Amino acid sequence: MALIMVGCGGVATIPQIGDKAPDFTLKNIDGESVSLSDFRGKPVLLVFTSVYCVECTEQMPYIEAAFERSGGKLAVLTVYREDSLSRVKKHVDEEKLT
């Protein structure tokens, strides 16, 4: 379903509703670089989370269901902030996330 990426850092400006999302590049859990612009022309759901966010983990089945209903037309990018890659991989395995 989602490219699970690890990253941290700040945003230079606070985006407003209707603003075009700024491009970014992060590494997925396989170490490959992925950019938001890779999904140009496709709807993208950005999910910012942490392995320690219980509510975030609870919402994942709903996000996966939305992805499935879209028939793969929706790109879901889950960005884990302030978590180590090893901890993210363990969390993904434990929660059976895709």
N, C-alpha and C. Protein backbone atom coordinates (compact mmCIF):
# COMPACT_ATOMS: atom_id res chain seq x y z
N MET A 1 0.81 -1.18 0.00
CA MET A 1 0.00 0.00 0.00
C MET A 1 0.86 1.25 0.00
N ALA A 2 1.64 1.42 1.02
CA ALA A 2 2.33 2.70 1.21
C ALA A 2 3.83 2.53 1.13
N LEU A 3 4.45 3.56 0.70
CA LEU A 3 5.90 3.63 0.81
C LEU A 3 6.16 4.13 2.21
N ILE A 4 6.83 3.35 2.99
CA ILE A 4 7.12 3.75 4.35
C ILE A 4 8.47 4.44 4.34
N MET A 5 8.50 5.68 4.78
CA MET A 5 9.72 6.46 4.72
C MET A 5 10.07 6.99 6.09
N VAL A 6 11.33 7.24 6.27
CA VAL A 6 11.82 7.78 7.51
C VAL A 6 12.42 9.13 7.21
N GLY A 7 12.10 10.10 8.00
CA GLY A 7 12.67 11.42 7.78
C GLY A 7 12.38 12.32 8.95
N CYS A 8 13.10 13.40 8.98
CA CYS A 8 12.78 14.43 9.94
C CYS A 8 13.32 15.73 9.39
N GLY A 9 12.88 16.78 9.97
CA GLY A 9 13.29 18.09 9.49
C GLY A 9 12.10 19.00 9.53
N GLY A 10 12.38 20.27 9.41
CA GLY A 10 11.32 21.25 9.50
C GLY A 10 10.86 21.73 8.16
N VAL A 11 9.75 22.42 8.19
CA VAL A 11 9.20 23.04 6.99
C VAL A 11 9.54 24.52 7.06
N ALA A 12 10.02 25.09 5.96
CA ALA A 12 10.43 26.49 5.95
C ALA A 12 9.23 27.42 6.15
N THR A 13 8.09 27.10 5.56
CA THR A 13 6.89 27.91 5.71
C THR A 13 5.71 26.99 6.00
N ILE A 14 4.71 27.55 6.62
CA ILE A 14 3.52 26.77 6.92
C ILE A 14 2.61 26.79 5.71
N PRO A 15 2.31 25.62 5.14
CA PRO A 15 1.44 25.59 3.96
C PRO A 15 0.01 26.00 4.31
N GLN A 16 -0.66 26.57 3.36
CA GLN A 16 -2.06 26.97 3.51
C GLN A 16 -2.93 26.06 2.66
N ILE A 17 -4.20 25.96 3.00
CA ILE A 17 -5.13 25.16 2.21
C ILE A 17 -5.11 25.67 0.78
N GLY A 18 -4.98 24.75 -0.15
CA GLY A 18 -4.94 25.10 -1.57
C GLY A 18 -3.54 25.27 -2.12
N ASP A 19 -2.54 25.37 -1.23
CA ASP A 19 -1.15 25.47 -1.70
C ASP A 19 -0.71 24.15 -2.32
N LYS A 20 0.13 24.26 -3.32
CA LYS A 20 0.75 23.06 -3.90
C LYS A 20 1.77 22.54 -2.89
N ALA A 21 1.74 21.24 -2.67
CA ALA A 21 2.68 20.64 -1.72
C ALA A 21 4.11 20.77 -2.26
N PRO A 22 5.04 21.17 -1.41
CA PRO A 22 6.43 21.26 -1.87
C PRO A 22 6.99 19.87 -2.12
N ASP A 23 7.84 19.75 -3.11
CA ASP A 23 8.45 18.46 -3.39
C ASP A 23 9.43 18.11 -2.27
N PHE A 24 9.57 16.85 -2.01
CA PHE A 24 10.55 16.37 -1.04
C PHE A 24 11.03 15.00 -1.49
N THR A 25 12.18 14.62 -0.98
CA THR A 25 12.74 13.30 -1.26
C THR A 25 13.16 12.68 0.06
N LEU A 26 12.71 11.45 0.28
CA LEU A 26 13.08 10.68 1.47
C LEU A 26 13.44 9.27 1.04
N LYS A 27 14.01 8.52 1.94
CA LYS A 27 14.34 7.11 1.69
C LYS A 27 13.20 6.24 2.19
N ASN A 28 12.84 5.21 1.40
CA ASN A 28 11.86 4.26 1.89
C ASN A 28 12.58 3.21 2.75
N ILE A 29 11.84 2.25 3.28
CA ILE A 29 12.48 1.29 4.19
C ILE A 29 13.45 0.35 3.49
N ASP A 30 13.44 0.37 2.17
CA ASP A 30 14.41 -0.41 1.40
C ASP A 30 15.62 0.42 1.01
N GLY A 31 15.67 1.68 1.47
CA GLY A 31 16.80 2.55 1.19
C GLY A 31 16.75 3.26 -0.14
N GLU A 32 15.62 3.15 -0.86
CA GLU A 32 15.48 3.80 -2.16
C GLU A 32 14.94 5.22 -1.97
N SER A 33 15.44 6.15 -2.77
CA SER A 33 14.95 7.53 -2.73
C SER A 33 13.59 7.62 -3.41
N VAL A 34 12.67 8.29 -2.76
CA VAL A 34 11.32 8.50 -3.29
C VAL A 34 10.98 9.97 -3.13
N SER A 35 10.48 10.58 -4.20
CA SER A 35 10.09 11.99 -4.17
C SER A 35 8.59 12.11 -4.35
N LEU A 36 8.03 13.15 -3.78
CA LEU A 36 6.61 13.41 -3.99
C LEU A 36 6.33 13.59 -5.48
N SER A 37 7.24 14.21 -6.19
CA SER A 37 7.04 14.46 -7.63
C SER A 37 6.98 13.16 -8.44
N ASP A 38 7.42 12.04 -7.87
CA ASP A 38 7.30 10.75 -8.55
C ASP A 38 5.83 10.38 -8.79
N PHE A 39 4.93 11.00 -8.06
CA PHE A 39 3.52 10.67 -8.12
C PHE A 39 2.69 11.76 -8.78
N ARG A 40 3.35 12.62 -9.54
CA ARG A 40 2.66 13.72 -10.22
C ARG A 40 1.49 13.18 -11.04
N GLY A 41 0.33 13.85 -10.93
CA GLY A 41 -0.85 13.45 -11.67
C GLY A 41 -1.70 12.39 -10.97
N LYS A 42 -1.26 11.96 -9.79
CA LYS A 42 -1.97 10.92 -9.04
C LYS A 42 -2.33 11.50 -7.67
N PRO A 43 -3.52 11.21 -7.16
CA PRO A 43 -3.83 11.69 -5.81
C PRO A 43 -2.89 11.04 -4.79
N VAL A 44 -2.41 11.86 -3.86
CA VAL A 44 -1.47 11.38 -2.85
C VAL A 44 -2.01 11.73 -1.46
N LEU A 45 -2.03 10.74 -0.60
CA LEU A 45 -2.36 10.95 0.80
C LEU A 45 -1.05 10.88 1.58
N LEU A 46 -0.68 11.99 2.22
CA LEU A 46 0.52 12.01 3.06
C LEU A 46 0.10 11.76 4.49
N VAL A 47 0.71 10.77 5.10
CA VAL A 47 0.40 10.42 6.49
C VAL A 47 1.67 10.60 7.30
N PHE A 48 1.65 11.52 8.25
CA PHE A 48 2.80 11.74 9.12
C PHE A 48 2.51 11.05 10.44
N THR A 49 3.44 10.22 10.89
CA THR A 49 3.17 9.38 12.05
C THR A 49 4.45 9.12 12.83
N SER A 50 4.30 8.35 13.88
CA SER A 50 5.42 7.89 14.70
C SER A 50 5.05 6.50 15.22
N VAL A 51 6.04 5.69 15.48
CA VAL A 51 5.76 4.35 16.00
C VAL A 51 5.11 4.42 17.38
N TYR A 52 5.25 5.54 18.06
CA TYR A 52 4.72 5.69 19.40
C TYR A 52 3.32 6.30 19.42
N CYS A 53 2.77 6.60 18.27
CA CYS A 53 1.44 7.22 18.18
C CYS A 53 0.38 6.12 18.06
N VAL A 54 -0.30 5.85 19.16
CA VAL A 54 -1.31 4.78 19.19
C VAL A 54 -2.45 5.10 18.23
N GLU A 55 -2.92 6.34 18.25
CA GLU A 55 -4.03 6.73 17.37
C GLU A 55 -3.65 6.58 15.90
N CYS A 56 -2.40 6.90 15.58
CA CYS A 56 -1.92 6.77 14.20
C CYS A 56 -1.96 5.31 13.76
N THR A 57 -1.51 4.43 14.63
CA THR A 57 -1.52 2.99 14.31
C THR A 57 -2.95 2.49 14.15
N GLU A 58 -3.86 2.99 14.98
CA GLU A 58 -5.26 2.57 14.90
C GLU A 58 -5.93 3.01 13.60
N GLN A 59 -5.46 4.10 13.00
CA GLN A 59 -6.08 4.57 11.76
C GLN A 59 -5.56 3.85 10.52
N MET A 60 -4.47 3.12 10.63
CA MET A 60 -3.86 2.48 9.47
C MET A 60 -4.78 1.52 8.72
N PRO A 61 -5.60 0.70 9.39
CA PRO A 61 -6.50 -0.17 8.62
C PRO A 61 -7.47 0.63 7.74
N TYR A 62 -7.90 1.79 8.20
CA TYR A 62 -8.80 2.63 7.40
C TYR A 62 -8.08 3.22 6.19
N ILE A 63 -6.83 3.58 6.39
CA ILE A 63 -6.03 4.11 5.29
C ILE A 63 -5.78 3.02 4.26
N GLU A 64 -5.44 1.82 4.74
CA GLU A 64 -5.23 0.69 3.82
C GLU A 64 -6.51 0.37 3.05
N ALA A 65 -7.67 0.47 3.72
CA ALA A 65 -8.95 0.20 3.05
C ALA A 65 -9.21 1.25 1.96
N ALA A 66 -8.89 2.50 2.23
CA ALA A 66 -9.06 3.56 1.21
C ALA A 66 -8.17 3.29 0.01
N PHE A 67 -6.95 2.85 0.28
CA PHE A 67 -6.04 2.51 -0.81
C PHE A 67 -6.61 1.37 -1.65
N GLU A 68 -7.09 0.34 -0.99
CA GLU A 68 -7.66 -0.82 -1.69
C GLU A 68 -8.87 -0.41 -2.54
N ARG A 69 -9.75 0.42 -1.97
CA ARG A 69 -10.94 0.87 -2.70
C ARG A 69 -10.58 1.70 -3.92
N SER A 70 -9.43 2.36 -3.88
CA SER A 70 -9.02 3.20 -5.02
C SER A 70 -8.49 2.37 -6.18
N GLY A 71 -8.31 1.08 -5.96
CA GLY A 71 -7.77 0.24 -7.02
C GLY A 71 -6.33 0.60 -7.37
N GLY A 72 -5.61 1.10 -6.40
CA GLY A 72 -4.22 1.48 -6.63
C GLY A 72 -4.04 2.85 -7.25
N LYS A 73 -5.14 3.59 -7.42
CA LYS A 73 -5.05 4.93 -8.01
C LYS A 73 -4.60 5.98 -7.00
N LEU A 74 -4.74 5.67 -5.73
CA LEU A 74 -4.33 6.57 -4.66
C LEU A 74 -2.94 6.15 -4.18
N ALA A 75 -2.03 7.10 -4.13
CA ALA A 75 -0.71 6.83 -3.54
C ALA A 75 -0.76 7.24 -2.07
N VAL A 76 -0.32 6.36 -1.21
CA VAL A 76 -0.27 6.65 0.22
C VAL A 76 1.19 6.66 0.64
N LEU A 77 1.64 7.79 1.12
CA LEU A 77 3.01 7.92 1.60
C LEU A 77 2.97 8.13 3.10
N THR A 78 3.47 7.17 3.83
CA THR A 78 3.51 7.25 5.28
C THR A 78 4.91 7.67 5.69
N VAL A 79 5.00 8.81 6.36
CA VAL A 79 6.29 9.36 6.76
C VAL A 79 6.41 9.23 8.27
N TYR A 80 7.36 8.42 8.70
CA TYR A 80 7.64 8.26 10.12
C TYR A 80 8.67 9.31 10.52
N ARG A 81 8.29 10.15 11.45
CA ARG A 81 9.19 11.22 11.90
C ARG A 81 9.85 10.81 13.22
N GLU A 82 11.11 11.13 13.31
CA GLU A 82 11.86 10.97 14.56
C GLU A 82 11.90 9.53 15.06
N ASP A 83 11.83 8.57 14.16
CA ASP A 83 11.96 7.17 14.52
C ASP A 83 13.14 6.58 13.75
N SER A 84 13.86 5.66 14.38
CA SER A 84 14.97 5.02 13.68
C SER A 84 14.42 4.04 12.64
N LEU A 85 15.20 3.80 11.62
CA LEU A 85 14.80 2.87 10.56
C LEU A 85 14.52 1.49 11.13
N SER A 86 15.37 1.02 12.04
CA SER A 86 15.17 -0.31 12.62
C SER A 86 13.86 -0.37 13.41
N ARG A 87 13.53 0.69 14.12
CA ARG A 87 12.28 0.72 14.89
C ARG A 87 11.07 0.76 13.95
N VAL A 88 11.17 1.52 12.86
CA VAL A 88 10.08 1.58 11.88
C VAL A 88 9.86 0.21 11.26
N LYS A 89 10.94 -0.46 10.86
CA LYS A 89 10.81 -1.80 10.26
C LYS A 89 10.14 -2.76 11.24
N LYS A 90 10.54 -2.71 12.51
CA LYS A 90 9.95 -3.58 13.52
C LYS A 90 8.46 -3.27 13.67
N HIS A 91 8.12 -1.99 13.70
CA HIS A 91 6.72 -1.56 13.84
C HIS A 91 5.88 -2.03 12.65
N VAL A 92 6.41 -1.87 11.45
CA VAL A 92 5.71 -2.30 10.23
C VAL A 92 5.45 -3.81 10.28
N ASP A 93 6.45 -4.57 10.71
CA ASP A 93 6.29 -6.03 10.82
C ASP A 93 5.27 -6.40 11.90
N GLU A 94 5.40 -5.79 13.07
CA GLU A 94 4.50 -6.11 14.19
C GLU A 94 3.05 -5.79 13.86
N GLU A 95 2.83 -4.68 13.17
CA GLU A 95 1.46 -4.25 12.85
C GLU A 95 0.97 -4.80 11.52
N LYS A 96 1.84 -5.55 10.84
CA LYS A 96 1.50 -6.15 9.53
C LYS A 96 1.05 -5.09 8.53
N LEU A 97 1.79 -3.98 8.49
CA LEU A 97 1.49 -2.90 7.56
C LEU A 97 2.12 -3.20 6.21
N THR A 98 1.50 -2.70 5.16
CA THR A 98 2.03 -2.92 3.81
C THR A 98 2.45 -1.61 3.19
